[in-house]
């Protein structure tokens, strides 16, 4: 019976880290909304010209990629290192990524761009093969997207070890001994 409950204990730390990231992301979106409202107020209209909206969207996309990189790395840190979860894992992920933030953020942006391309490809398949029903498209889409997500987490696990070796960052368990 212990084998049944052991995995649930192992999920506690990643869930705490995910909860912290979701709260931080919610705060970031509040800042986005307030900044967009401030830009609209300064412009003196209820709408903003498309160029300003493009700049805000581009900055938001880059910042979201950076936050996603920290989030994924913090989940890897939570799983690989003992007794780290929540904000400690987020801070630890930032320390590990030090010096490689731009490359890792660009990697996540490439992943997002690839995901958008894949989504459009499946939309095109739906239009080309009109006889395909919704379930058939999702039967192809879900395993493909899940495989891409799995590849991303494996990639971040490798990046964790490489960044840790490059930065000469000691693990928390190494500091304790």
Protein backbone atom coordinates (compact mmCIF):
# COMPACT_ATOMS: atom_id res chain seq x y z
CA UNK A 1 0.00 0.00 0.00
CA UNK A 2 2.97 2.28 0.62
CA UNK A 3 3.93 2.06 -3.07
CA UNK A 4 0.52 3.55 -3.90
CA UNK A 5 0.95 6.62 -1.66
CA UNK A 6 4.66 7.26 -2.30
CA UNK A 7 4.15 9.00 -5.69
CA UNK A 8 1.62 11.38 -4.14
CA UNK A 9 4.27 12.49 -1.62
CA UNK A 10 6.72 13.07 -4.48
CA UNK A 11 4.27 15.37 -6.27
CA UNK A 12 4.01 17.76 -3.33
CA UNK A 13 7.15 19.79 -4.11
CA UNK A 14 6.48 20.28 -7.86
CA UNK A 15 2.89 21.31 -7.06
CA UNK A 16 4.12 23.90 -4.54
CA UNK A 17 6.58 25.27 -7.12
CA UNK A 18 3.87 25.35 -9.79
CA UNK A 19 1.54 27.21 -7.40
CA UNK A 20 4.22 29.84 -6.74
CA UNK A 21 4.86 30.29 -10.45
CA UNK A 22 1.13 30.61 -11.17
CA UNK A 23 0.80 33.32 -8.51
CA UNK A 24 3.80 35.17 -9.93
CA UNK A 25 2.37 34.84 -13.45
CA UNK A 26 -0.97 36.21 -12.25
CA UNK A 27 0.88 39.21 -10.83
CA UNK A 28 2.69 39.70 -14.12
CA UNK A 29 -0.60 39.72 -16.03
CA UNK A 30 -2.00 42.32 -13.63
CA UNK A 31 1.04 44.47 -14.44
CA UNK A 32 0.41 43.92 -18.19
CA UNK A 33 -3.20 45.02 -17.86
CA UNK A 34 -2.27 48.07 -15.80
CA UNK A 35 0.50 49.06 -18.23
CA UNK A 36 -1.86 48.70 -21.19
CA UNK A 37 -4.44 50.83 -19.36
CA UNK A 38 -1.77 53.43 -18.60
CA UNK A 39 -0.69 53.56 -22.26
CA UNK A 40 -4.33 53.99 -23.28
CA UNK A 41 -4.82 56.74 -20.70
CA UNK A 42 -1.68 58.59 -21.76
CA UNK A 43 -2.73 58.34 -25.39
CA UNK A 44 -6.04 59.93 -24.40
CA UNK A 45 -8.15 57.37 -26.21
CA UNK A 46 -9.75 54.07 -25.44
CA UNK A 47 -7.59 52.37 -28.04
CA UNK A 48 -3.91 52.39 -28.79
CA UNK A 49 -2.40 52.48 -32.26
CA UNK A 50 -1.26 49.15 -33.63
CA UNK A 51 2.46 49.96 -33.34
CA UNK A 52 2.25 50.53 -29.58
CA UNK A 53 0.20 47.37 -29.23
CA UNK A 54 2.83 45.48 -31.23
CA UNK A 55 5.62 46.71 -28.92
CA UNK A 56 3.68 45.73 -25.82
CA UNK A 57 2.89 42.31 -27.32
CA UNK A 58 6.52 41.73 -28.32
CA UNK A 59 7.83 42.65 -24.87
CA UNK A 60 5.13 40.48 -23.30
CA UNK A 61 6.07 37.52 -25.52
CA UNK A 62 9.79 37.82 -24.70
CA UNK A 63 9.09 38.25 -21.00
CA UNK A 64 6.71 35.27 -21.01
CA UNK A 65 9.43 33.16 -22.65
CA UNK A 66 11.86 34.20 -19.92
CA UNK A 67 9.36 33.43 -17.16
CA UNK A 68 8.58 30.08 -18.82
CA UNK A 69 12.28 29.23 -18.90
CA UNK A 70 12.56 29.99 -15.19
CA UNK A 71 9.40 27.99 -14.52
CA UNK A 72 10.59 24.91 -16.40
CA UNK A 73 14.04 25.09 -14.83
CA UNK A 74 12.52 25.50 -11.36
CA UNK A 75 10.44 22.37 -11.91
CA UNK A 76 13.59 20.50 -12.95
CA UNK A 77 15.36 21.84 -9.84
CA UNK A 78 12.42 20.77 -7.68
CA UNK A 79 12.58 17.21 -9.00
CA UNK A 80 16.37 16.79 -9.09
CA UNK A 81 17.40 18.49 -5.85
CA UNK A 82 16.30 17.44 -2.39
CA UNK A 83 14.17 19.62 -0.10
CA UNK A 84 13.73 22.51 -2.54
CA UNK A 85 10.34 23.76 -3.64
CA UNK A 86 8.43 26.98 -4.14
CA UNK A 87 10.34 30.24 -4.19
CA UNK A 88 13.59 28.51 -3.21
CA UNK A 89 13.39 26.46 -6.40
CA UNK A 90 12.67 29.57 -8.47
CA UNK A 91 15.67 31.39 -6.96
CA UNK A 92 17.82 28.31 -7.43
CA UNK A 93 16.75 28.06 -11.09
CA UNK A 94 17.73 31.70 -11.64
CA UNK A 95 21.14 31.03 -10.05
CA UNK A 96 21.69 27.97 -12.23
CA UNK A 97 20.65 29.80 -15.41
CA UNK A 98 23.01 32.70 -14.68
CA UNK A 99 25.13 33.42 -17.75
CA UNK A 100 22.87 31.41 -20.07
CA UNK A 101 19.57 33.27 -19.66
CA UNK A 102 19.50 34.72 -23.16
CA UNK A 103 20.22 31.38 -24.85
CA UNK A 104 17.66 29.54 -22.70
CA UNK A 105 15.03 32.24 -23.28
CA UNK A 106 15.68 32.06 -27.04
CA UNK A 107 15.29 28.29 -26.83
CA UNK A 108 11.86 28.71 -25.21
CA UNK A 109 10.90 31.32 -27.82
CA UNK A 110 11.90 28.84 -30.53
CA UNK A 111 9.73 26.23 -28.79
CA UNK A 112 6.80 28.67 -28.70
CA UNK A 113 7.29 29.50 -32.39
CA UNK A 114 7.43 25.81 -33.25
CA UNK A 115 4.28 25.22 -31.24
CA UNK A 116 2.50 27.97 -33.14
CA UNK A 117 3.68 26.46 -36.42
CA UNK A 118 2.45 23.00 -35.37
CA UNK A 119 -0.91 24.44 -34.31
CA UNK A 120 -1.31 26.11 -37.70
CA UNK A 121 -0.26 22.89 -39.43
CA UNK A 122 -2.99 20.93 -37.66
CA UNK A 123 -5.50 23.69 -38.49
CA UNK A 124 -4.50 23.35 -42.14
CA UNK A 125 -4.95 19.56 -41.94
CA UNK A 126 -8.45 20.17 -40.59
CA UNK A 127 -9.26 22.39 -43.56
CA UNK A 128 -7.69 20.11 -46.17
CA UNK A 129 -9.26 16.94 -44.86
CA UNK A 130 -12.75 18.20 -44.18
CA UNK A 131 -14.02 14.71 -43.46
CA UNK A 132 -11.77 14.50 -40.41
CA UNK A 133 -13.74 14.90 -37.26
CA UNK A 134 -12.58 16.78 -34.21
CA UNK A 135 -11.53 13.62 -32.36
CA UNK A 136 -9.30 12.44 -35.21
CA UNK A 137 -7.39 15.73 -35.27
CA UNK A 138 -6.93 15.63 -31.49
CA UNK A 139 -5.92 11.97 -31.64
CA UNK A 140 -2.94 13.07 -33.74
CA UNK A 141 -2.31 16.37 -31.98
CA UNK A 142 -2.18 15.24 -28.33
CA UNK A 143 0.63 12.65 -28.67
CA UNK A 144 2.67 15.03 -30.83
CA UNK A 145 2.36 17.94 -28.39
CA UNK A 146 3.02 15.67 -25.41
CA UNK A 147 6.14 14.35 -27.10
CA UNK A 148 7.35 17.90 -27.73
CA UNK A 149 6.74 18.81 -24.08
CA UNK A 150 8.61 15.71 -22.95
CA UNK A 151 11.51 16.66 -25.23
CA UNK A 152 11.53 20.17 -23.72
CA UNK A 153 11.75 18.83 -20.16
CA UNK A 154 14.53 16.40 -21.13
CA UNK A 155 16.34 19.29 -22.81
CA UNK A 156 15.99 21.42 -19.67
CA UNK A 157 17.28 18.55 -17.55
CA UNK A 158 20.40 18.41 -19.70
CA UNK A 159 20.66 22.21 -19.55
CA UNK A 160 20.37 22.01 -15.75
CA UNK A 161 23.43 19.76 -15.57
CA UNK A 162 25.39 21.82 -18.10
CA UNK A 163 24.58 25.16 -16.49
CA UNK A 164 25.35 23.75 -13.07
CA UNK A 165 28.75 22.55 -14.31
CA UNK A 166 29.47 25.84 -16.14
CA UNK A 167 28.52 28.02 -13.17
CA UNK A 168 30.17 25.73 -10.63
CA UNK A 169 26.97 25.96 -8.58
CA UNK A 170 26.90 23.55 -5.68
CA UNK A 171 23.70 21.69 -5.02
CA UNK A 172 21.94 22.30 -1.73
CA UNK A 173 22.61 18.70 -0.65
CA UNK A 174 26.35 19.27 -1.34
CA UNK A 175 26.32 22.38 0.88
CA UNK A 176 24.72 20.44 3.73
CA UNK A 177 27.50 17.83 3.82
